[in-house]
Amino acid sequence: MPYKKIDNTRLSDLVAKQLKESIFNGHYRPGQRIPSEFELVKAFGVSRVIVREAIRDMEKSGLLEVKRGPKGGAVVQTMRHDAVTSVMRDVLSVGRVTVPDIMEVRLDIEPIVAGLAAERATPQDLEDIRNNLFAVPGAPGDMYVSWNMEFHRLIARASHNPMYNTLVNILTDFTEELVLSLMPIGKVVHSPHWHPAIFHKIEKRDAKGARQAFREHLQAISPVLIDLERTNQSHKMWDQAEDGELATKREENDAASG
C-alpha cells in the first residue's frame, strides 16, 4: 500500500494514522506483519525514532504486537478488549466510577446481549457455556471469581456482535477487579445459581426469557456489590480516622517533649 509523505506536525501520530487505515481497510490482517522499520522510514520520509514511536503507540492500543528476534516485527493483532479496558480504567478512575455506575450500564447492555445469544449461539457456543457451568472451582477465591465472570464473557461471545462482545468484556473486567478488591477472603460474593436458568433460556432459543432471566440475575447481585463497596468505604474511613488520631497524638507528644 503506498503511503503519503507527511509534514512535521505530530509526526508519530500521522504515521500511526496511516498505518491504522491500512489495517482498518484490510490491507494488513490479524497475524500479518506490517512493513519493517526501514521500509516505513523510507515510505514516510521520517526518522526511525518517529516510526518506532508510532508503532509503540499502536502496540499500547492493542493493534500491534511487536515480536523480537530475526523473524520478529510488528504483527497486527485481533480485536482485544483488554487494551481498551486499560485506557478506560485510567479515564474512569479520575471520575471515580462506582458500583451503581457499572451496574446501571450492565443492566442496559447484558440482557440485550443474552437475547442475541439465544438467537445466534452456535452449537459450539452452547457447548462452551455448558462446560463453564460444570467447571466450578473447588473453593472461593480468585479462580472462582474468574470462572463466574467467564459465563458472562461466553454469552457476550455467543451474541456474535463484536461491539457488544467488547463492551461486555470491558464491563466484566471492571466488575471482576472490583469484586477481587472488595471480596472478603473465603467468601462467595454471589451464588451463580442464576446461570443455569439463563443458559436454559438461551439453549431453548427463548430470547425474551433470556433477557428477563439475565436482568433478574443482575438485579439480584447489584445490591450485594453495592453493599460490599459501602462496607469497604466505611472501613477505609475508619482506618483514616484512626491514622489521623495517631498522628495528632504523636504531634502532641512531640510538642510536650520539646
Foldseek 3Di string as FASTA:
>chain_A
DQDDADDDPLLLVVLLVVVVVCDVVPVADAFDADDALVVSCVRHVHDSVSPVVNLVVCVLQVQWDFDDDPPTHTGGHDDDLVSVLVVVVVVVVVVPDDLVNLLVVCLVQQLQLLLLLLQQADPVLLVVLVVLVVPQDDFDDLVNLVSLLVNSLSSNVSSVDVVSSSVSVSSSVVVSVLCNVQPDPRDDLDDPPLSVQLSVCSVVSNSVSNSVSVSVVSVVSSVSSNVSVVVVVVVVVVVVVVVVVVVVVVVVVVVVVD
